[in-house]
Amino acid sequence: MITKRKKAAEMAKTRLHDTDTGSPQVQVAVLTRRIEELSAHLNKNHKDKHSRRGLLGLVADRRKHLKYLETTNRRAYGTLVKKLGLKK
């Protein structure tokens, strides 16, 4: 589970302006953090099928946001992928 403090830290790293909480860059960064934490949980608890299903949903959601960002703003997409260390 991602805490408010961790979520705020991820938002602060990638936001476009002071009150930015919903841009695709911020959403992808928060989703990436949640995916990392859930992946670590599943490495310890490999039989937790319900969390695995949630993880697949988060990955699909992040993929949709990245696809949108790639079609609308390729430069921002490239910098975000580099910053988060994603494959693409």
PDB file of N, CA and C in Angstrom:
ATOM      1  N   MET A   1       0.855  -1.183   0.000  1.00  0.00           N
ATOM      2  CA  MET A   1       0.000   0.000   0.000  1.00  0.00           C
ATOM      3  C   MET A   1       0.892   1.235   0.000  1.00  0.00           C
ATOM      4  N   ILE A   2       0.595   2.135  -0.875  1.00  0.00           N
ATOM      5  CA  ILE A   2       1.378   3.369  -0.980  1.00  0.00           C
ATOM      6  C   ILE A   2       0.801   4.403  -0.001  1.00  0.00           C
ATOM      7  N   THR A   3       1.672   5.020   0.763  1.00  0.00           N
ATOM      8  CA  THR A   3       1.226   6.000   1.749  1.00  0.00           C
ATOM      9  C   THR A   3       1.086   7.375   1.090  1.00  0.00           C
ATOM     10  N   LYS A   4       0.433   8.271   1.793  1.00  0.00           N
ATOM     11  CA  LYS A   4       0.249   9.627   1.273  1.00  0.00           C
ATOM     12  C   LYS A   4       1.591  10.320   1.067  1.00  0.00           C
ATOM     13  N   ARG A   5       2.525  10.066   1.972  1.00  0.00           N
ATOM     14  CA  ARG A   5       3.842  10.700   1.892  1.00  0.00           C
ATOM     15  C   ARG A   5       4.603  10.222   0.647  1.00  0.00           C
ATOM     16  N   LYS A   6       4.557   8.912   0.379  1.00  0.00           N
ATOM     17  CA  LYS A   6       5.231   8.363  -0.797  1.00  0.00           C
ATOM     18  C   LYS A   6       4.574   8.871  -2.083  1.00  0.00           C
ATOM     19  N   LYS A   7       3.252   8.936  -2.066  1.00  0.00           N
ATOM     20  CA  LYS A   7       2.522   9.423  -3.241  1.00  0.00           C
ATOM     21  C   LYS A   7       2.850  10.891  -3.501  1.00  0.00           C
ATOM     22  N   ALA A   8       2.910  11.689  -2.450  1.00  0.00           N
ATOM     23  CA  ALA A   8       3.246  13.108  -2.604  1.00  0.00           C
ATOM     24  C   ALA A   8       4.671  13.282  -3.119  1.00  0.00           C
ATOM     25  N   ALA A   9       5.578  12.418  -2.673  1.00  0.00           N
ATOM     26  CA  ALA A   9       6.959  12.492  -3.150  1.00  0.00           C
ATOM     27  C   ALA A   9       7.039  12.179  -4.640  1.00  0.00           C
ATOM     28  N   GLU A  10       6.295  11.190  -5.093  1.00  0.00           N
ATOM     29  CA  GLU A  10       6.283  10.853  -6.524  1.00  0.00           C
ATOM     30  C   GLU A  10       5.671  11.991  -7.337  1.00  0.00           C
ATOM     31  N   MET A  11       4.626  12.601  -6.804  1.00  0.00           N
ATOM     32  CA  MET A  11       4.001  13.730  -7.499  1.00  0.00           C
ATOM     33  C   MET A  11       4.970  14.903  -7.598  1.00  0.00           C
ATOM     34  N   ALA A  12       5.711  15.145  -6.531  1.00  0.00           N
ATOM     35  CA  ALA A  12       6.642  16.272  -6.522  1.00  0.00           C
ATOM     36  C   ALA A  12       7.755  16.093  -7.552  1.00  0.00           C
ATOM     37  N   LYS A  13       8.159  14.870  -7.800  1.00  0.00           N
ATOM     38  CA  LYS A  13       9.231  14.608  -8.762  1.00  0.00           C
ATOM     39  C   LYS A  13       8.811  14.877 -10.196  1.00  0.00           C
ATOM     40  N   THR A  14       7.542  14.612 -10.526  1.00  0.00           N
ATOM     41  CA  THR A  14       7.136  14.630 -11.934  1.00  0.00           C
ATOM     42  C   THR A  14       6.090  15.673 -12.299  1.00  0.00           C
ATOM     43  N   ARG A  15       5.627  16.460 -11.355  1.00  0.00           N
ATOM     44  CA  ARG A  15       4.556  17.401 -11.685  1.00  0.00           C
ATOM     45  C   ARG A  15       5.052  18.525 -12.592  1.00  0.00           C
ATOM     46  N   LEU A  16       4.111  19.088 -13.337  1.00  0.00           N
ATOM     47  CA  LEU A  16       4.419  20.139 -14.295  1.00  0.00           C
ATOM     48  C   LEU A  16       4.365  21.520 -13.661  1.00  0.00           C
ATOM     49  N   HIS A  17       3.506  21.693 -12.660  1.00  0.00           N
ATOM     50  CA  HIS A  17       3.394  22.947 -11.919  1.00  0.00           C
ATOM     51  C   HIS A  17       3.023  22.622 -10.477  1.00  0.00           C
ATOM     52  N   ASP A  18       2.890  23.617  -9.634  1.00  0.00           N
ATOM     53  CA  ASP A  18       2.722  23.406  -8.194  1.00  0.00           C
ATOM     54  C   ASP A  18       1.485  22.611  -7.810  1.00  0.00           C
ATOM     55  N   THR A  19       0.385  22.793  -8.519  1.00  0.00           N
ATOM     56  CA  THR A  19      -0.854  22.126  -8.141  1.00  0.00           C
ATOM     57  C   THR A  19      -1.193  20.959  -9.066  1.00  0.00           C
ATOM     58  N   ASP A  20      -0.214  20.448  -9.785  1.00  0.00           N
ATOM     59  CA  ASP A  20      -0.447  19.363 -10.741  1.00  0.00           C
ATOM     60  C   ASP A  20      -0.575  18.031 -10.013  1.00  0.00           C
ATOM     61  N   THR A  21      -1.754  17.426 -10.114  1.00  0.00           N
ATOM     62  CA  THR A  21      -1.961  16.103  -9.526  1.00  0.00           C
ATOM     63  C   THR A  21      -2.540  15.116 -10.515  1.00  0.00           C
ATOM     64  N   GLY A  22      -2.945  15.554 -11.691  1.00  0.00           N
ATOM     65  CA  GLY A  22      -3.650  14.662 -12.596  1.00  0.00           C
ATOM     66  C   GLY A  22      -3.073  14.538 -13.979  1.00  0.00           C
ATOM     67  N   SER A  23      -1.929  15.130 -14.242  1.00  0.00           N
ATOM     68  CA  SER A  23      -1.351  15.012 -15.574  1.00  0.00           C
ATOM     69  C   SER A  23      -0.918  13.564 -15.810  1.00  0.00           C
ATOM     70  N   PRO A  24      -0.826  13.145 -17.059  1.00  0.00           N
ATOM     71  CA  PRO A  24      -0.424  11.762 -17.338  1.00  0.00           C
ATOM     72  C   PRO A  24       0.936  11.405 -16.744  1.00  0.00           C
ATOM     73  N   GLN A  25       1.858  12.377 -16.713  1.00  0.00           N
ATOM     74  CA  GLN A  25       3.177  12.101 -16.151  1.00  0.00           C
ATOM     75  C   GLN A  25       3.082  11.743 -14.668  1.00  0.00           C
ATOM     76  N   VAL A  26       2.287  12.490 -13.930  1.00  0.00           N
ATOM     77  CA  VAL A  26       2.124  12.241 -12.498  1.00  0.00           C
ATOM     78  C   VAL A  26       1.416  10.910 -12.275  1.00  0.00           C
ATOM     79  N   GLN A  27       0.380  10.643 -13.058  1.00  0.00           N
ATOM     80  CA  GLN A  27      -0.360   9.403 -12.888  1.00  0.00           C
ATOM     81  C   GLN A  27       0.511   8.188 -13.176  1.00  0.00           C
ATOM     82  N   VAL A  28       1.338   8.272 -14.213  1.00  0.00           N
ATOM     83  CA  VAL A  28       2.230   7.156 -14.540  1.00  0.00           C
ATOM     84  C   VAL A  28       3.256   6.954 -13.433  1.00  0.00           C
ATOM     85  N   ALA A  29       3.772   8.034 -12.872  1.00  0.00           N
ATOM     86  CA  ALA A  29       4.764   7.922 -11.797  1.00  0.00           C
ATOM     87  C   ALA A  29       4.156   7.258 -10.559  1.00  0.00           C
ATOM     88  N   VAL A  30       2.944   7.644 -10.201  1.00  0.00           N
ATOM     89  CA  VAL A  30       2.284   7.064  -9.028  1.00  0.00           C
ATOM     90  C   VAL A  30       1.958   5.591  -9.294  1.00  0.00           C
ATOM     91  N   LEU A  31       1.469   5.292 -10.485  1.00  0.00           N
ATOM     92  CA  LEU A  31       1.176   3.901 -10.824  1.00  0.00           C
ATOM     93  C   LEU A  31       2.442   3.052 -10.804  1.00  0.00           C
ATOM     94  N   THR A  32       3.546   3.600 -11.277  1.00  0.00           N
ATOM     95  CA  THR A  32       4.803   2.863 -11.279  1.00  0.00           C
ATOM     96  C   THR A  32       5.235   2.538  -9.859  1.00  0.00           C
ATOM     97  N   ARG A  33       5.086   3.491  -8.966  1.00  0.00           N
ATOM     98  CA  ARG A  33       5.445   3.253  -7.558  1.00  0.00           C
ATOM     99  C   ARG A  33       4.564   2.169  -6.950  1.00  0.00           C
ATOM    100  N   ARG A  34       3.259   2.207  -7.242  1.00  0.00           N
ATOM    101  CA  ARG A  34       2.341   1.193  -6.729  1.00  0.00           C
ATOM    102  C   ARG A  34       2.675  -0.180  -7.293  1.00  0.00           C
ATOM    103  N   ILE A  35       3.029  -0.224  -8.573  1.00  0.00           N
ATOM    104  CA  ILE A  35       3.388  -1.491  -9.215  1.00  0.00           C
ATOM    105  C   ILE A  35       4.646  -2.070  -8.576  1.00  0.00           C
ATOM    106  N   GLU A  36       5.632  -1.231  -8.303  1.00  0.00           N
ATOM    107  CA  GLU A  36       6.870  -1.701  -7.671  1.00  0.00           C
ATOM    108  C   GLU A  36       6.594  -2.289  -6.293  1.00  0.00           C
ATOM    109  N   GLU A  37       5.761  -1.607  -5.506  1.00  0.00           N
ATOM    110  CA  GLU A  37       5.462  -2.101  -4.162  1.00  0.00           C
ATOM    111  C   GLU A  37       4.660  -3.388  -4.209  1.00  0.00           C
ATOM    112  N   LEU A  38       3.716  -3.476  -5.129  1.00  0.00           N
ATOM    113  CA  LEU A  38       2.909  -4.684  -5.240  1.00  0.00           C
ATOM    114  C   LEU A  38       3.731  -5.854  -5.773  1.00  0.00           C
ATOM    115  N   SER A  39       4.676  -5.581  -6.641  1.00  0.00           N
ATOM    116  CA  SER A  39       5.559  -6.633  -7.138  1.00  0.00           C
ATOM    117  C   SER A  39       6.421  -7.193  -6.015  1.00  0.00           C
ATOM    118  N   ALA A  40       6.913  -6.315  -5.156  1.00  0.00           N
ATOM    119  CA  ALA A  40       7.706  -6.771  -4.010  1.00  0.00           C
ATOM    120  C   ALA A  40       6.855  -7.630  -3.077  1.00  0.00           C
ATOM    121  N   HIS A  41       5.611  -7.251  -2.887  1.00  0.00           N
ATOM    122  CA  HIS A  41       4.700  -8.029  -2.051  1.00  0.00           C
ATOM    123  C   HIS A  41       4.472  -9.415  -2.655  1.00  0.00           C
ATOM    124  N   LEU A  42       4.298  -9.462  -3.969  1.00  0.00           N
ATOM    125  CA  LEU A  42       4.022 -10.742  -4.620  1.00  0.00           C
ATOM    126  C   LEU A  42       5.253 -11.643  -4.661  1.00  0.00           C
ATOM    127  N   ASN A  43       6.452 -11.070  -4.597  1.00  0.00           N
ATOM    128  CA  ASN A  43       7.644 -11.909  -4.512  1.00  0.00           C
ATOM    129  C   ASN A  43       7.684 -12.669  -3.191  1.00  0.00           C
ATOM    130  N   LYS A  44       7.167 -12.056  -2.134  1.00  0.00           N
ATOM    131  CA  LYS A  44       7.132 -12.710  -0.832  1.00  0.00           C
ATOM    132  C   LYS A  44       5.920 -13.629  -0.693  1.00  0.00           C
ATOM    133  N   ASN A  45       4.792 -13.226  -1.282  1.00  0.00           N
ATOM    134  CA  ASN A  45       3.527 -13.952  -1.144  1.00  0.00           C
ATOM    135  C   ASN A  45       3.061 -14.425  -2.511  1.00  0.00           C
ATOM    136  N   HIS A  46       3.706 -15.454  -3.019  1.00  0.00           N
ATOM    137  CA  HIS A  46       3.439 -15.871  -4.392  1.00  0.00           C
ATOM    138  C   HIS A  46       2.068 -16.500  -4.601  1.00  0.00           C
ATOM    139  N   LYS A  47       1.377 -16.869  -3.548  1.00  0.00           N
ATOM    140  CA  LYS A  47       0.042 -17.464  -3.695  1.00  0.00           C
ATOM    141  C   LYS A  47      -1.089 -16.434  -3.633  1.00  0.00           C
ATOM    142  N   ASP A  48      -0.766 -15.184  -3.489  1.00  0.00           N
ATOM    143  CA  ASP A  48      -1.770 -14.124  -3.365  1.00  0.00           C
ATOM    144  C   ASP A  48      -2.321 -13.772  -4.748  1.00  0.00           C
ATOM    145  N   LYS A  49      -3.312 -14.509  -5.186  1.00  0.00           N
ATOM    146  CA  LYS A  49      -3.852 -14.352  -6.541  1.00  0.00           C
ATOM    147  C   LYS A  49      -4.665 -13.068  -6.686  1.00  0.00           C
ATOM    148  N   HIS A  50      -5.305 -12.636  -5.623  1.00  0.00           N
ATOM    149  CA  HIS A  50      -6.115 -11.419  -5.704  1.00  0.00           C
ATOM    150  C   HIS A  50      -5.241 -10.189  -5.942  1.00  0.00           C
ATOM    151  N   SER A  51      -4.112 -10.127  -5.278  1.00  0.00           N
ATOM    152  CA  SER A  51      -3.205  -9.000  -5.499  1.00  0.00           C
ATOM    153  C   SER A  51      -2.575  -9.068  -6.880  1.00  0.00           C
ATOM    154  N   ARG A  52      -2.343 -10.266  -7.378  1.00  0.00           N
ATOM    155  CA  ARG A  52      -1.789 -10.420  -8.721  1.00  0.00           C
ATOM    156  C   ARG A  52      -2.753  -9.850  -9.768  1.00  0.00           C
ATOM    157  N   ARG A  53      -4.043 -10.086  -9.558  1.00  0.00           N
ATOM    158  CA  ARG A  53      -5.046  -9.544 -10.479  1.00  0.00           C
ATOM    159  C   ARG A  53      -5.052  -8.018 -10.418  1.00  0.00           C
ATOM    160  N   GLY A  54      -4.915  -7.473  -9.230  1.00  0.00           N
ATOM    161  CA  GLY A  54      -4.826  -6.026  -9.080  1.00  0.00           C
ATOM    162  C   GLY A  54      -3.592  -5.462  -9.758  1.00  0.00           C
ATOM    163  N   LEU A  55      -2.485  -6.180  -9.651  1.00  0.00           N
ATOM    164  CA  LEU A  55      -1.250  -5.755 -10.304  1.00  0.00           C
ATOM    165  C   LEU A  55      -1.431  -5.698 -11.818  1.00  0.00           C
ATOM    166  N   LEU A  56      -2.074  -6.699 -12.381  1.00  0.00           N
ATOM    167  CA  LEU A  56      -2.306  -6.702 -13.829  1.00  0.00           C
ATOM    168  C   LEU A  56      -3.171  -5.519 -14.254  1.00  0.00           C
ATOM    169  N   GLY A  57      -4.137  -5.152 -13.421  1.00  0.00           N
ATOM    170  CA  GLY A  57      -4.962  -3.985 -13.713  1.00  0.00           C
ATOM    171  C   GLY A  57      -4.158  -2.694 -13.678  1.00  0.00           C
ATOM    172  N   LEU A  58      -3.256  -2.582 -12.713  1.00  0.00           N
ATOM    173  CA  LEU A  58      -2.407  -1.386 -12.615  1.00  0.00           C
ATOM    174  C   LEU A  58      -1.476  -1.279 -13.820  1.00  0.00           C
ATOM    175  N   VAL A  59      -0.918  -2.402 -14.236  1.00  0.00           N
ATOM    176  CA  VAL A  59      -0.020  -2.402 -15.394  1.00  0.00           C
ATOM    177  C   VAL A  59      -0.776  -1.993 -16.651  1.00  0.00           C
ATOM    178  N   ALA A  60      -2.002  -2.498 -16.810  1.00  0.00           N
ATOM    179  CA  ALA A  60      -2.812  -2.132 -17.968  1.00  0.00           C
ATOM    180  C   ALA A  60      -3.163  -0.644 -17.951  1.00  0.00           C
ATOM    181  N   ASP A  61      -3.479  -0.135 -16.770  1.00  0.00           N
ATOM    182  CA  ASP A  61      -3.813   1.280 -16.629  1.00  0.00           C
ATOM    183  C   ASP A  61      -2.611   2.155 -16.972  1.00  0.00           C
ATOM    184  N   ARG A  62      -1.423   1.758 -16.479  1.00  0.00           N
ATOM    185  CA  ARG A  62      -0.211   2.518 -16.785  1.00  0.00           C
ATOM    186  C   ARG A  62       0.088   2.478 -18.280  1.00  0.00           C
ATOM    187  N   ARG A  63      -0.131   1.337 -18.895  1.00  0.00           N
ATOM    188  CA  ARG A  63       0.110   1.211 -20.330  1.00  0.00           C
ATOM    189  C   ARG A  63      -0.802   2.149 -21.120  1.00  0.00           C
ATOM    190  N   LYS A  64      -2.061   2.275 -20.698  1.00  0.00           N
ATOM    191  CA  LYS A  64      -2.994   3.188 -21.366  1.00  0.00           C
ATOM    192  C   LYS A  64      -2.542   4.637 -21.234  1.00  0.00           C
ATOM    193  N   HIS A  65      -2.115   5.007 -20.032  1.00  0.00           N
ATOM    194  CA  HIS A  65      -1.632   6.378 -19.825  1.00  0.00           C
ATOM    195  C   HIS A  65      -0.390   6.655 -20.668  1.00  0.00           C
ATOM    196  N   LEU A  66       0.521   5.689 -20.727  1.00  0.00           N
ATOM    197  CA  LEU A  66       1.730   5.875 -21.522  1.00  0.00           C
ATOM    198  C   LEU A  66       1.411   5.983 -23.007  1.00  0.00           C
ATOM    199  N   LYS A  67       0.456   5.195 -23.464  1.00  0.00           N
ATOM    200  CA  LYS A  67       0.072   5.251 -24.875  1.00  0.00           C
ATOM    201  C   LYS A  67      -0.537   6.612 -25.208  1.00  0.00           C
ATOM    202  N   TYR A  68      -1.373   7.128 -24.312  1.00  0.00           N
ATOM    203  CA  TYR A  68      -1.951   8.454 -24.507  1.00  0.00           C
ATOM    204  C   TYR A  68      -0.857   9.516 -24.558  1.00  0.00           C
ATOM    205  N   LEU A  69       0.074   9.438 -23.625  1.00  0.00           N
ATOM    206  CA  LEU A  69       1.151  10.418 -23.564  1.00  0.00           C
ATOM    207  C   LEU A  69       2.037  10.329 -24.799  1.00  0.00           C
ATOM    208  N   GLU A  70       2.256   9.133 -25.300  1.00  0.00           N
ATOM    209  CA  GLU A  70       3.086   8.952 -26.488  1.00  0.00           C
ATOM    210  C   GLU A  70       2.438   9.580 -27.721  1.00  0.00           C
ATOM    211  N   THR A  71       1.124   9.480 -27.820  1.00  0.00           N
ATOM    212  CA  THR A  71       0.452  10.039 -28.991  1.00  0.00           C
ATOM    213  C   THR A  71       0.292  11.555 -28.902  1.00  0.00           C
ATOM    214  N   THR A  72       0.186  12.090 -27.696  1.00  0.00           N
ATOM    215  CA  THR A  72      -0.048  13.530 -27.569  1.00  0.00           C
ATOM    216  C   THR A  72       1.229  14.340 -27.421  1.00  0.00           C
ATOM    217  N   ASN A  73       2.236  13.787 -26.724  1.00  0.00           N
ATOM    218  CA  ASN A  73       3.449  14.558 -26.444  1.00  0.00           C
ATOM    219  C   ASN A  73       4.643  13.603 -26.369  1.00  0.00           C
ATOM    220  N   ARG A  74       5.279  13.358 -27.505  1.00  0.00           N
ATOM    221  CA  ARG A  74       6.363  12.370 -27.570  1.00  0.00           C
ATOM    222  C   ARG A  74       7.583  12.783 -26.751  1.00  0.00           C
ATOM    223  N   ARG A  75       7.867  14.058 -26.678  1.00  0.00           N
ATOM    224  CA  ARG A  75       9.027  14.512 -25.907  1.00  0.00           C
ATOM    225  C   ARG A  75       8.827  14.224 -24.417  1.00  0.00           C
ATOM    226  N   ALA A  76       7.638  14.547 -23.906  1.00  0.00           N
ATOM    227  CA  ALA A  76       7.352  14.275 -22.492  1.00  0.00           C
ATOM    228  C   ALA A  76       7.352  12.769 -22.231  1.00  0.00           C
ATOM    229  N   TYR A  77       6.874  12.000 -23.186  1.00  0.00           N
ATOM    230  CA  TYR A  77       6.872  10.550 -23.064  1.00  0.00           C
ATOM    231  C   TYR A  77       8.307  10.024 -22.925  1.00  0.00           C
ATOM    232  N   GLY A  78       9.192  10.493 -23.784  1.00  0.00           N
ATOM    233  CA  GLY A  78      10.580  10.042 -23.750  1.00  0.00           C
ATOM    234  C   GLY A  78      11.282  10.384 -22.452  1.00  0.00           C
ATOM    235  N   THR A  79      11.074  11.610 -21.975  1.00  0.00           N
ATOM    236  CA  THR A  79      11.727  12.004 -20.725  1.00  0.00           C
ATOM    237  C   THR A  79      11.165  11.223 -19.534  1.00  0.00           C
ATOM    238  N   LEU A  80       9.868  10.960 -19.548  1.00  0.00           N
ATOM    239  CA  LEU A  80       9.250  10.217 -18.443  1.00  0.00           C
ATOM    240  C   LEU A  80       9.748   8.780 -18.412  1.00  0.00           C
ATOM    241  N   VAL A  81       9.843   8.142 -19.560  1.00  0.00           N
ATOM    242  CA  VAL A  81      10.318   6.768 -19.617  1.00  0.00           C
ATOM    243  C   VAL A  81      11.750   6.669 -19.112  1.00  0.00           C
ATOM    244  N   LYS A  82      12.587   7.644 -19.496  1.00  0.00           N
ATOM    245  CA  LYS A  82      13.967   7.671 -19.006  1.00  0.00           C
ATOM    246  C   LYS A  82      14.018   7.888 -17.502  1.00  0.00           C
ATOM    247  N   LYS A  83      13.208   8.832 -17.019  1.00  0.00           N
ATOM    248  CA  LYS A  83      13.225   9.194 -15.602  1.00  0.00           C
ATOM    249  C   LYS A  83      12.777   8.015 -14.712  1.00  0.00           C
ATOM    250  N   LEU A  84      11.761   7.292 -15.174  1.00  0.00           N
ATOM    251  CA  LEU A  84      11.242   6.184 -14.366  1.00  0.00           C
ATOM    252  C   LEU A  84      11.965   4.870 -14.629  1.00  0.00           C
ATOM    253  N   GLY A  85      12.779   4.834 -15.691  1.00  0.00           N
ATOM    254  CA  GLY A  85      13.521   3.615 -16.005  1.00  0.00           C
ATOM    255  C   GLY A  85      12.652   2.516 -16.568  1.00  0.00           C
ATOM    256  N   LEU A  86      11.653   2.895 -17.362  1.00  0.00           N
ATOM    257  CA  LEU A  86      10.757   1.912 -17.972  1.00  0.00           C
ATOM    258  C   LEU A  86      11.337   1.424 -19.295  1.00  0.00           C
ATOM    259  N   LYS A  87      10.924   0.252 -19.713  1.00  0.00           N
ATOM    260  CA  LYS A  87      11.349  -0.274 -21.005  1.00  0.00           C
ATOM    261  C   LYS A  87      10.465   0.306 -22.086  1.00  0.00           C
ATOM    262  N   LYS A  88      11.042   0.833 -23.132  1.00  0.00           N
ATOM    263  CA  LYS A  88      10.352   1.311 -24.338  1.00  0.00           C
ATOM    264  C   LYS A  88      11.265   2.185 -25.089  1.00  0.00           C
TER     265      LYS A  88
END
